[in-house]
Protein backbone atom coordinates (compact mmCIF):
# COMPACT_ATOMS: atom_id res chain seq x y z
CA MET A 1 1.36 -16.59 -14.95
CA VAL A 2 4.26 -15.99 -13.41
CA ALA A 3 3.08 -13.94 -10.33
CA GLY A 4 0.55 -16.55 -9.50
CA THR A 5 3.23 -19.10 -9.49
CA ALA A 6 5.63 -17.30 -8.14
CA SER A 7 2.91 -16.40 -5.35
CA LEU A 8 1.83 -19.96 -4.76
CA ILE A 9 6.53 -20.84 -4.92
CA LEU A 10 6.77 -17.73 -2.00
CA ALA A 11 3.79 -18.57 -0.03
CA VAL A 12 4.79 -22.79 0.66
CA LEU A 13 8.02 -21.37 1.22
CA ALA A 14 6.85 -18.94 3.72
CA GLY A 15 5.91 -21.24 5.86
CA GLY A 16 8.33 -23.84 5.63
CA LEU A 17 11.41 -20.86 7.20
CA PRO A 18 12.20 -21.19 10.23
CA THR A 19 13.84 -17.11 9.71
CA LEU A 20 10.53 -15.13 11.44
CA LEU A 21 11.85 -12.24 9.48
CA VAL A 22 12.48 -14.03 6.13
CA ALA A 23 9.05 -16.20 6.82
CA THR A 24 7.31 -12.52 6.98
CA LEU A 25 9.30 -11.58 3.87
CA PHE A 26 8.35 -13.87 1.98
CA GLY A 27 4.69 -13.42 2.97
CA VAL A 28 4.17 -10.11 2.29
CA ALA A 29 5.83 -11.00 -1.46
CA ALA A 30 3.56 -14.20 -1.71
CA VAL A 31 0.47 -11.65 -1.24
CA ALA A 32 1.58 -9.07 -3.11
CA LEU A 33 2.50 -11.25 -6.71
CA GLY A 34 -0.52 -12.79 -5.62
CA VAL A 35 -2.35 -9.47 -6.33
CA ALA A 36 -0.25 -9.38 -9.58
CA GLY A 37 -1.19 -12.91 -10.79
CA LEU A 38 -5.23 -11.83 -9.81
CA ARG A 39 -4.81 -8.53 -12.12
CA ALA A 40 -3.21 -10.54 -14.41
CA ALA A 41 -5.48 -12.73 -14.79
CA ALA A 42 -8.21 -10.06 -14.99
CA ARG A 43 -6.48 -9.49 -18.73
CA GLY A 44 -6.46 -12.95 -19.64
CA LEU A 45 -2.71 -13.17 -18.84
CA GLY A 46 -2.89 -16.52 -16.46
CA SER A 47 -5.04 -18.35 -14.20
CA ARG A 48 -6.52 -17.31 -11.14
CA GLY A 49 -6.47 -20.18 -9.32
CA GLN A 50 -2.51 -19.82 -8.40
CA ALA A 51 -3.53 -16.53 -8.08
CA VAL A 52 -5.41 -16.95 -5.35
CA ALA A 53 -3.90 -19.89 -3.81
CA GLY A 54 -0.95 -17.75 -3.26
CA ILE A 55 -2.79 -14.97 -1.22
CA ALA A 56 -4.51 -17.48 0.87
CA THR A 57 -1.40 -19.90 1.21
CA GLY A 58 0.46 -16.49 1.60
CA SER A 59 -1.65 -14.47 4.24
CA VAL A 60 -2.29 -18.30 6.57
CA SER A 61 1.72 -17.27 6.23
CA LEU A 62 1.95 -14.38 7.91
CA VAL A 63 -0.86 -15.33 10.47
CA ILE A 64 0.84 -18.15 12.01
CA THR A 65 4.22 -15.99 11.91
CA ALA A 66 2.34 -13.62 13.67
CA TYR A 67 1.49 -16.34 16.56
CA VAL A 68 5.10 -17.17 17.10
CA ILE A 69 5.85 -14.09 17.26
CA VAL A 70 3.24 -12.21 19.28
CA GLY A 71 3.74 -16.06 21.23
CA LEU A 72 7.93 -15.29 21.30
CA PHE A 73 7.16 -12.26 22.93
CA VAL A 74 4.72 -13.39 25.65
CA PHE A 75 7.03 -16.23 26.96
CA LEU A 76 10.06 -13.98 26.64
CA SER A 77 8.29 -11.03 29.19
CA GLY A 78 7.38 -13.31 31.94
CA ALA A 79 3.35 -12.96 31.39
CA ARG A 80 1.49 -15.31 32.70
């Protein structure tokens, strides 16, 4: 249960962080803890829903961060 909750908290924090490096690290940690939470839930040690929510929001955070990074590179390179 702790891994699923931690995954969800890190994912929410990653979505609100302005620093791309920290947001990326929190997103990766959220997905990893979500997977650990799913494994624990399979053994009957926690909530599967929180783990899935952490994986989903962590993944969304990583996708948004990737779009921002690509957008910055395109903007800074002057591509039109």
